[in-house]
Amino acid sequence: MPQGTLEVLLVGAKGLENTDFLCNMDPYVVLTCRTQEQKSSVASGKGSDPEWNEHFVFTISEGISELTIKIMDSDSGSGDDFVGEATIPLEALFTEGSLEPAPYNVVKDQEYCGEIRVGLTFTQKGECDGESCAQEENYGGWKESSY
């Protein structure tokens, strides 16, 4: 399993279900990569077609195979409403290195409720895995000088 850095470009969303009946919703996004969680800014009054154009960085380690994007509607005075979520598998990204911004389906209660546009870049840590690099460095107790 690759290790490194995942950069996420959160572009925007289209066709989201408006959870506010009297006015446009104020959507924001919670990005989760296993135990790491980050939040976007709130797109105040942007309704069903918000734009963020924000960057997020996650550390990729063993066992991370997907990115979950949860879209919420910020409500003052009451709890925030769940709008929908998208799950993006990362296997193709580990092979390709980067994926141009593309639409991913947003789902709520197993039904399509819009799309979110995200670009992804993966930078692998080092050229080899930790074990073989460490063995090479310490081979025979000798370490190459940096002079």
N, C-alpha and C. Protein backbone atom coordinates (compact mmCIF):
# COMPACT_ATOMS: atom_id res chain seq x y z
N MET A 1 0.85 -1.19 0.00
CA MET A 1 0.00 0.00 0.00
C MET A 1 0.89 1.24 0.00
N PRO A 2 0.65 2.18 -0.91
CA PRO A 2 1.51 3.37 -0.99
C PRO A 2 1.36 4.30 0.21
N GLN A 3 2.42 5.05 0.45
CA GLN A 3 2.40 6.06 1.50
C GLN A 3 2.82 7.38 0.89
N GLY A 4 2.27 8.48 1.39
CA GLY A 4 2.63 9.77 0.84
C GLY A 4 1.61 10.83 1.21
N THR A 5 1.42 11.77 0.26
CA THR A 5 0.56 12.92 0.49
C THR A 5 -0.56 12.96 -0.53
N LEU A 6 -1.78 13.14 -0.05
CA LEU A 6 -2.94 13.29 -0.92
C LEU A 6 -3.36 14.75 -0.88
N GLU A 7 -3.37 15.38 -2.07
CA GLU A 7 -3.84 16.76 -2.18
C GLU A 7 -5.21 16.72 -2.84
N VAL A 8 -6.17 17.39 -2.22
CA VAL A 8 -7.53 17.41 -2.72
C VAL A 8 -7.88 18.84 -3.12
N LEU A 9 -8.36 19.02 -4.36
CA LEU A 9 -8.87 20.31 -4.80
C LEU A 9 -10.39 20.19 -4.83
N LEU A 10 -11.04 20.85 -3.88
CA LEU A 10 -12.50 20.85 -3.81
C LEU A 10 -12.98 22.01 -4.69
N VAL A 11 -13.54 21.68 -5.86
CA VAL A 11 -13.94 22.72 -6.81
C VAL A 11 -15.33 23.25 -6.48
N GLY A 12 -16.35 22.38 -6.56
CA GLY A 12 -17.71 22.81 -6.29
C GLY A 12 -18.68 21.66 -6.44
N ALA A 13 -19.97 21.96 -6.35
CA ALA A 13 -21.00 20.94 -6.49
C ALA A 13 -22.12 21.49 -7.37
N LYS A 14 -22.90 20.57 -7.94
CA LYS A 14 -24.03 20.96 -8.79
C LYS A 14 -25.23 20.08 -8.48
N GLY A 15 -26.41 20.68 -8.59
CA GLY A 15 -27.65 19.92 -8.49
C GLY A 15 -27.94 19.31 -7.13
N LEU A 16 -27.38 19.91 -6.07
CA LEU A 16 -27.64 19.38 -4.73
C LEU A 16 -29.10 19.67 -4.34
N GLU A 17 -29.62 18.82 -3.49
CA GLU A 17 -30.98 19.02 -2.99
C GLU A 17 -30.93 20.10 -1.92
N ASN A 18 -31.71 21.17 -2.12
CA ASN A 18 -31.73 22.27 -1.16
C ASN A 18 -32.49 21.85 0.09
N THR A 19 -31.81 21.84 1.23
CA THR A 19 -32.44 21.41 2.48
C THR A 19 -33.14 22.55 3.21
N ASP A 20 -32.91 23.79 2.75
CA ASP A 20 -33.59 24.94 3.35
C ASP A 20 -34.79 25.30 2.48
N PHE A 21 -35.99 25.32 3.05
CA PHE A 21 -37.20 25.55 2.27
C PHE A 21 -37.43 27.03 1.94
N LEU A 22 -37.04 27.91 2.84
CA LEU A 22 -37.35 29.33 2.65
C LEU A 22 -36.23 30.12 1.97
N CYS A 23 -35.00 29.61 2.00
CA CYS A 23 -33.89 30.35 1.40
C CYS A 23 -32.86 29.35 0.88
N ASN A 24 -31.82 29.87 0.25
CA ASN A 24 -30.74 29.00 -0.23
C ASN A 24 -29.96 28.43 0.94
N MET A 25 -29.55 27.18 0.80
CA MET A 25 -28.75 26.57 1.87
C MET A 25 -27.33 27.12 1.86
N ASP A 26 -26.62 26.87 2.96
CA ASP A 26 -25.24 27.32 3.14
C ASP A 26 -24.34 26.09 3.27
N PRO A 27 -23.99 25.46 2.13
CA PRO A 27 -23.27 24.18 2.20
C PRO A 27 -21.79 24.32 2.57
N TYR A 28 -21.31 23.30 3.26
CA TYR A 28 -19.89 23.12 3.50
C TYR A 28 -19.60 21.64 3.39
N VAL A 29 -18.32 21.30 3.33
CA VAL A 29 -17.93 19.91 3.11
C VAL A 29 -17.02 19.44 4.22
N VAL A 30 -17.21 18.19 4.66
CA VAL A 30 -16.31 17.53 5.61
C VAL A 30 -15.61 16.42 4.83
N LEU A 31 -14.29 16.54 4.68
CA LEU A 31 -13.50 15.53 3.97
C LEU A 31 -12.87 14.61 5.00
N THR A 32 -13.02 13.29 4.80
CA THR A 32 -12.48 12.33 5.75
C THR A 32 -11.64 11.29 5.01
N CYS A 33 -10.43 11.13 5.50
CA CYS A 33 -9.51 10.13 4.96
C CYS A 33 -9.08 9.29 6.17
N ARG A 34 -9.77 8.20 6.38
CA ARG A 34 -9.64 7.32 7.55
C ARG A 34 -9.88 8.11 8.83
N THR A 35 -8.84 8.45 9.63
CA THR A 35 -9.06 9.17 10.88
C THR A 35 -8.84 10.68 10.73
N GLN A 36 -8.36 11.12 9.56
CA GLN A 36 -8.11 12.54 9.36
C GLN A 36 -9.36 13.21 8.81
N GLU A 37 -9.70 14.36 9.38
CA GLU A 37 -10.92 15.05 8.95
C GLU A 37 -10.62 16.53 8.79
N GLN A 38 -11.12 17.11 7.68
CA GLN A 38 -10.95 18.55 7.45
C GLN A 38 -12.25 19.11 6.92
N LYS A 39 -12.50 20.41 7.23
CA LYS A 39 -13.73 21.07 6.82
C LYS A 39 -13.44 22.22 5.87
N SER A 40 -14.32 22.38 4.89
CA SER A 40 -14.22 23.52 3.98
C SER A 40 -14.88 24.73 4.64
N SER A 41 -14.76 25.86 3.97
CA SER A 41 -15.49 27.03 4.43
C SER A 41 -16.97 26.85 4.07
N VAL A 42 -17.83 27.65 4.66
CA VAL A 42 -19.26 27.59 4.36
C VAL A 42 -19.52 28.49 3.16
N ALA A 43 -20.17 27.92 2.13
CA ALA A 43 -20.52 28.70 0.94
C ALA A 43 -21.88 29.35 1.22
N SER A 44 -21.85 30.48 1.92
CA SER A 44 -23.07 31.13 2.40
C SER A 44 -24.01 31.52 1.26
N GLY A 45 -25.24 31.04 1.36
CA GLY A 45 -26.27 31.41 0.40
C GLY A 45 -26.07 30.89 -1.00
N LYS A 46 -25.15 29.96 -1.20
CA LYS A 46 -24.85 29.47 -2.55
C LYS A 46 -25.80 28.38 -3.02
N GLY A 47 -26.62 27.85 -2.12
CA GLY A 47 -27.67 26.92 -2.50
C GLY A 47 -27.18 25.61 -3.09
N SER A 48 -27.81 25.20 -4.19
CA SER A 48 -27.58 23.89 -4.79
C SER A 48 -26.32 23.79 -5.65
N ASP A 49 -25.71 24.93 -6.00
CA ASP A 49 -24.53 24.93 -6.88
C ASP A 49 -23.36 25.72 -6.29
N PRO A 50 -22.87 25.29 -5.11
CA PRO A 50 -21.78 26.05 -4.46
C PRO A 50 -20.43 25.84 -5.14
N GLU A 51 -19.55 26.82 -4.96
CA GLU A 51 -18.16 26.70 -5.40
C GLU A 51 -17.26 27.02 -4.23
N TRP A 52 -16.18 26.24 -4.09
CA TRP A 52 -15.24 26.46 -3.00
C TRP A 52 -13.85 26.78 -3.52
N ASN A 53 -13.33 25.98 -4.45
CA ASN A 53 -11.96 26.11 -4.95
C ASN A 53 -10.95 26.17 -3.80
N GLU A 54 -11.02 25.16 -2.93
CA GLU A 54 -10.15 25.07 -1.77
C GLU A 54 -9.27 23.82 -1.86
N HIS A 55 -8.06 23.93 -1.28
CA HIS A 55 -7.11 22.82 -1.26
C HIS A 55 -7.02 22.21 0.13
N PHE A 56 -6.88 20.89 0.18
CA PHE A 56 -6.72 20.17 1.44
C PHE A 56 -5.60 19.15 1.26
N VAL A 57 -4.85 18.88 2.32
CA VAL A 57 -3.75 17.90 2.25
C VAL A 57 -3.93 16.86 3.35
N PHE A 58 -3.82 15.60 2.95
CA PHE A 58 -3.92 14.47 3.88
C PHE A 58 -2.65 13.63 3.78
N THR A 59 -2.29 12.97 4.88
CA THR A 59 -1.17 12.04 4.88
C THR A 59 -1.74 10.65 4.64
N ILE A 60 -1.19 9.98 3.62
CA ILE A 60 -1.66 8.64 3.27
C ILE A 60 -0.72 7.61 3.88
N SER A 61 -1.31 6.65 4.60
CA SER A 61 -0.52 5.57 5.20
C SER A 61 -1.24 4.25 4.96
N GLU A 62 -0.76 3.21 5.61
CA GLU A 62 -1.32 1.87 5.43
C GLU A 62 -2.84 1.85 5.60
N GLY A 63 -3.49 1.13 4.72
CA GLY A 63 -4.92 0.86 4.89
C GLY A 63 -5.87 1.94 4.41
N ILE A 64 -5.36 3.06 3.89
CA ILE A 64 -6.25 4.10 3.40
C ILE A 64 -6.55 3.83 1.92
N SER A 65 -7.84 3.62 1.61
CA SER A 65 -8.19 3.27 0.23
C SER A 65 -9.27 4.17 -0.36
N GLU A 66 -9.82 5.09 0.47
CA GLU A 66 -10.86 5.96 -0.06
C GLU A 66 -10.92 7.29 0.68
N LEU A 67 -11.53 8.25 0.01
CA LEU A 67 -11.77 9.58 0.55
C LEU A 67 -13.28 9.75 0.61
N THR A 68 -13.80 10.15 1.78
CA THR A 68 -15.23 10.37 1.92
C THR A 68 -15.49 11.87 2.02
N ILE A 69 -16.43 12.33 1.23
CA ILE A 69 -16.79 13.74 1.21
C ILE A 69 -18.26 13.85 1.63
N LYS A 70 -18.47 14.48 2.77
CA LYS A 70 -19.83 14.64 3.30
C LYS A 70 -20.22 16.10 3.14
N ILE A 71 -21.37 16.34 2.49
CA ILE A 71 -21.85 17.71 2.29
C ILE A 71 -22.91 18.00 3.34
N MET A 72 -22.72 19.13 4.03
CA MET A 72 -23.62 19.54 5.11
C MET A 72 -24.17 20.93 4.80
N ASP A 73 -25.31 21.26 5.38
CA ASP A 73 -25.90 22.59 5.27
C ASP A 73 -25.81 23.25 6.64
N SER A 74 -25.06 24.34 6.70
CA SER A 74 -24.87 25.04 7.96
C SER A 74 -26.16 25.78 8.35
N ASP A 75 -26.68 25.45 9.53
CA ASP A 75 -27.89 26.10 10.03
C ASP A 75 -27.60 26.72 11.38
N SER A 76 -27.84 28.02 11.49
CA SER A 76 -27.65 28.64 12.79
C SER A 76 -28.91 28.41 13.62
N GLY A 77 -28.70 28.12 14.89
CA GLY A 77 -29.83 27.90 15.78
C GLY A 77 -30.29 26.45 15.86
N SER A 78 -30.03 25.66 14.83
CA SER A 78 -30.40 24.23 14.88
C SER A 78 -29.22 23.42 14.34
N GLY A 79 -29.32 22.13 14.43
CA GLY A 79 -28.24 21.28 13.94
C GLY A 79 -28.09 21.38 12.43
N ASP A 80 -26.87 21.21 11.94
CA ASP A 80 -26.61 21.26 10.51
C ASP A 80 -27.28 20.05 9.83
N ASP A 81 -27.78 20.27 8.61
CA ASP A 81 -28.46 19.21 7.86
C ASP A 81 -27.49 18.45 6.98
N PHE A 82 -27.67 17.13 6.92
CA PHE A 82 -26.89 16.27 6.04
C PHE A 82 -27.49 16.38 4.63
N VAL A 83 -26.66 16.76 3.65
CA VAL A 83 -27.14 16.92 2.28
C VAL A 83 -26.89 15.64 1.47
N GLY A 84 -25.72 15.05 1.65
CA GLY A 84 -25.37 13.84 0.93
C GLY A 84 -23.87 13.60 1.03
N GLU A 85 -23.40 12.46 0.47
CA GLU A 85 -21.97 12.20 0.52
C GLU A 85 -21.50 11.47 -0.72
N ALA A 86 -20.21 11.58 -0.97
CA ALA A 86 -19.56 10.88 -2.08
C ALA A 86 -18.36 10.15 -1.51
N THR A 87 -18.14 8.92 -1.98
CA THR A 87 -16.98 8.15 -1.58
C THR A 87 -16.12 7.95 -2.82
N ILE A 88 -14.85 8.36 -2.73
CA ILE A 88 -13.95 8.28 -3.88
C ILE A 88 -12.88 7.23 -3.59
N PRO A 89 -12.88 6.13 -4.37
CA PRO A 89 -11.81 5.13 -4.20
C PRO A 89 -10.48 5.72 -4.69
N LEU A 90 -9.39 5.39 -3.99
CA LEU A 90 -8.10 6.01 -4.31
C LEU A 90 -7.14 5.11 -5.10
N GLU A 91 -7.52 3.84 -5.37
CA GLU A 91 -6.60 2.92 -6.06
C GLU A 91 -6.10 3.49 -7.39
N ALA A 92 -7.02 4.03 -8.21
CA ALA A 92 -6.62 4.58 -9.52
C ALA A 92 -5.66 5.76 -9.34
N LEU A 93 -5.87 6.55 -8.31
CA LEU A 93 -5.01 7.70 -8.04
C LEU A 93 -3.59 7.24 -7.69
N PHE A 94 -3.46 6.16 -6.91
CA PHE A 94 -2.14 5.66 -6.53
C PHE A 94 -1.36 5.23 -7.78
N THR A 95 -2.05 4.76 -8.81
CA THR A 95 -1.41 4.33 -10.05
C THR A 95 -1.10 5.53 -10.94
N GLU A 96 -2.08 6.42 -11.11
CA GLU A 96 -1.96 7.55 -12.03
C GLU A 96 -1.12 8.71 -11.48
N GLY A 97 -1.20 8.94 -10.18
CA GLY A 97 -0.48 10.08 -9.59
C GLY A 97 -1.35 11.30 -9.44
N SER A 98 -2.21 11.58 -10.45
CA SER A 98 -3.14 12.70 -10.31
C SER A 98 -4.37 12.46 -11.18
N LEU A 99 -5.48 12.97 -10.72
CA LEU A 99 -6.74 12.89 -11.46
C LEU A 99 -7.29 14.30 -11.58
N GLU A 100 -7.55 14.72 -12.83
CA GLU A 100 -8.10 16.06 -13.08
C GLU A 100 -9.44 16.19 -12.36
N PRO A 101 -9.85 17.44 -12.05
CA PRO A 101 -11.15 17.62 -11.41
C PRO A 101 -12.26 16.93 -12.22
N ALA A 102 -13.02 16.09 -11.54
CA ALA A 102 -14.08 15.32 -12.18
C ALA A 102 -15.28 15.26 -11.25
N PRO A 103 -16.47 15.05 -11.82
CA PRO A 103 -17.67 14.96 -10.98
C PRO A 103 -17.82 13.57 -10.36
N TYR A 104 -18.22 13.55 -9.10
CA TYR A 104 -18.51 12.31 -8.38
C TYR A 104 -19.94 12.41 -7.87
N ASN A 105 -20.68 11.31 -7.94
CA ASN A 105 -22.08 11.31 -7.51
C ASN A 105 -22.21 11.52 -6.00
N VAL A 106 -23.14 12.38 -5.64
CA VAL A 106 -23.48 12.60 -4.24
C VAL A 106 -24.74 11.78 -3.96
N VAL A 107 -24.70 11.00 -2.89
CA VAL A 107 -25.79 10.08 -2.58
C VAL A 107 -26.32 10.33 -1.17
N LYS A 108 -27.64 10.23 -1.03
CA LYS A 108 -28.28 10.31 0.29
C LYS A 108 -29.36 9.24 0.32
N ASP A 109 -29.34 8.40 1.33
CA ASP A 109 -30.28 7.28 1.44
C ASP A 109 -30.28 6.43 0.17
N GLN A 110 -29.12 6.16 -0.36
CA GLN A 110 -28.88 5.35 -1.56
C GLN A 110 -29.51 5.92 -2.82
N GLU A 111 -29.80 7.24 -2.83
CA GLU A 111 -30.35 7.89 -4.01
C GLU A 111 -29.45 9.03 -4.45
N TYR A 112 -29.30 9.18 -5.78
CA TYR A 112 -28.50 10.25 -6.36
C TYR A 112 -29.12 11.60 -6.00
N CYS A 113 -28.29 12.53 -5.52
CA CYS A 113 -28.83 13.86 -5.19
C CYS A 113 -27.86 14.97 -5.56
N GLY A 114 -27.17 14.81 -6.70
CA GLY A 114 -26.27 15.84 -7.19
C GLY A 114 -24.88 15.30 -7.41
N GLU A 115 -23.95 16.21 -7.70
CA GLU A 115 -22.56 15.79 -7.90
C GLU A 115 -21.61 16.81 -7.31
N ILE A 116 -20.42 16.32 -6.97
CA ILE A 116 -19.38 17.19 -6.43
C ILE A 116 -18.15 17.03 -7.30
N ARG A 117 -17.47 18.15 -7.58
CA ARG A 117 -16.33 18.15 -8.48
C ARG A 117 -15.04 18.27 -7.67
N VAL A 118 -14.15 17.27 -7.84
CA VAL A 118 -12.95 17.19 -7.03
C VAL A 118 -11.76 16.78 -7.90
N GLY A 119 -10.61 17.40 -7.67
CA GLY A 119 -9.36 17.00 -8.31
C GLY A 119 -8.44 16.41 -7.26
N LEU A 120 -7.66 15.38 -7.64
CA LEU A 120 -6.81 14.69 -6.67
C LEU A 120 -5.38 14.56 -7.18
N THR A 121 -4.42 14.71 -6.27
CA THR A 121 -3.00 14.49 -6.60
C THR A 121 -2.39 13.67 -5.47
N PHE A 122 -1.63 12.63 -5.86
CA PHE A 122 -0.96 11.80 -4.86
C PHE A 122 0.55 11.88 -5.11
N THR A 123 1.30 12.21 -4.05
CA THR A 123 2.75 12.25 -4.11
C THR A 123 3.28 11.15 -3.22
N GLN A 124 3.94 10.18 -3.84
CA GLN A 124 4.45 9.04 -3.08
C GLN A 124 5.65 9.46 -2.25
N LYS A 125 5.72 8.91 -1.04
CA LYS A 125 6.81 9.20 -0.12
C LYS A 125 8.01 8.33 -0.49
N GLY A 126 9.10 8.95 -0.91
CA GLY A 126 10.31 8.21 -1.26
C GLY A 126 10.12 7.33 -2.48
N GLU A 127 11.16 6.64 -2.88
CA GLU A 127 11.11 5.78 -4.05
C GLU A 127 10.94 4.31 -3.70
N CYS A 128 11.06 3.98 -2.41
CA CYS A 128 10.91 2.58 -2.01
C CYS A 128 10.18 2.54 -0.68
N ASP A 129 9.75 1.36 -0.28
CA ASP A 129 9.04 1.29 0.99
C ASP A 129 10.02 1.40 2.15
N GLY A 130 9.52 1.72 3.31
CA GLY A 130 10.36 2.00 4.48
C GLY A 130 11.35 0.91 4.83
N GLU A 131 10.96 -0.35 4.74
CA GLU A 131 11.84 -1.43 5.16
C GLU A 131 13.06 -1.56 4.27
N SER A 132 12.87 -1.62 2.94
CA SER A 132 14.03 -1.82 2.06
C SER A 132 14.94 -0.60 2.06
N CYS A 133 14.36 0.61 2.23
CA CYS A 133 15.19 1.81 2.31
C CYS A 133 16.06 1.77 3.57
N ALA A 134 15.46 1.41 4.69
CA ALA A 134 16.20 1.36 5.95
C ALA A 134 17.31 0.31 5.88
N GLN A 135 17.04 -0.83 5.27
CA GLN A 135 18.05 -1.87 5.16
C GLN A 135 19.21 -1.40 4.28
N GLU A 136 18.88 -0.70 3.18
CA GLU A 136 19.93 -0.19 2.29
C GLU A 136 20.82 0.81 3.02
N GLU A 137 20.19 1.76 3.73
CA GLU A 137 20.94 2.80 4.43
C GLU A 137 21.92 2.23 5.44
N ASN A 138 21.50 1.22 6.18
CA ASN A 138 22.31 0.70 7.27
C ASN A 138 23.13 -0.53 6.87
N TYR A 139 23.25 -0.79 5.61
CA TYR A 139 23.95 -1.98 5.14
C TYR A 139 25.38 -2.02 5.66
N GLY A 140 25.72 -3.07 6.40
CA GLY A 140 27.08 -3.27 6.89
C GLY A 140 27.52 -2.23 7.91
N GLY A 141 26.59 -1.48 8.47
CA GLY A 141 26.97 -0.47 9.46
C GLY A 141 27.60 0.76 8.84
N TRP A 142 27.66 0.82 7.51
CA TRP A 142 28.29 1.94 6.84
C TRP A 142 27.21 2.80 6.20
N LYS A 143 27.37 4.10 6.33
CA LYS A 143 26.40 5.02 5.76
C LYS A 143 27.14 6.03 4.89
N GLU A 144 26.62 6.29 3.70
CA GLU A 144 27.30 7.20 2.79
C GLU A 144 27.30 8.62 3.36
N SER A 145 28.41 9.30 3.23
CA SER A 145 28.55 10.67 3.73
C SER A 145 27.84 11.63 2.81
N SER A 146 27.38 12.75 3.35
CA SER A 146 26.70 13.74 2.53
C SER A 146 27.66 14.83 2.03
N TYR A 147 28.98 14.65 2.30
CA TYR A 147 29.96 15.64 1.85
C TYR A 147 30.35 15.41 0.41
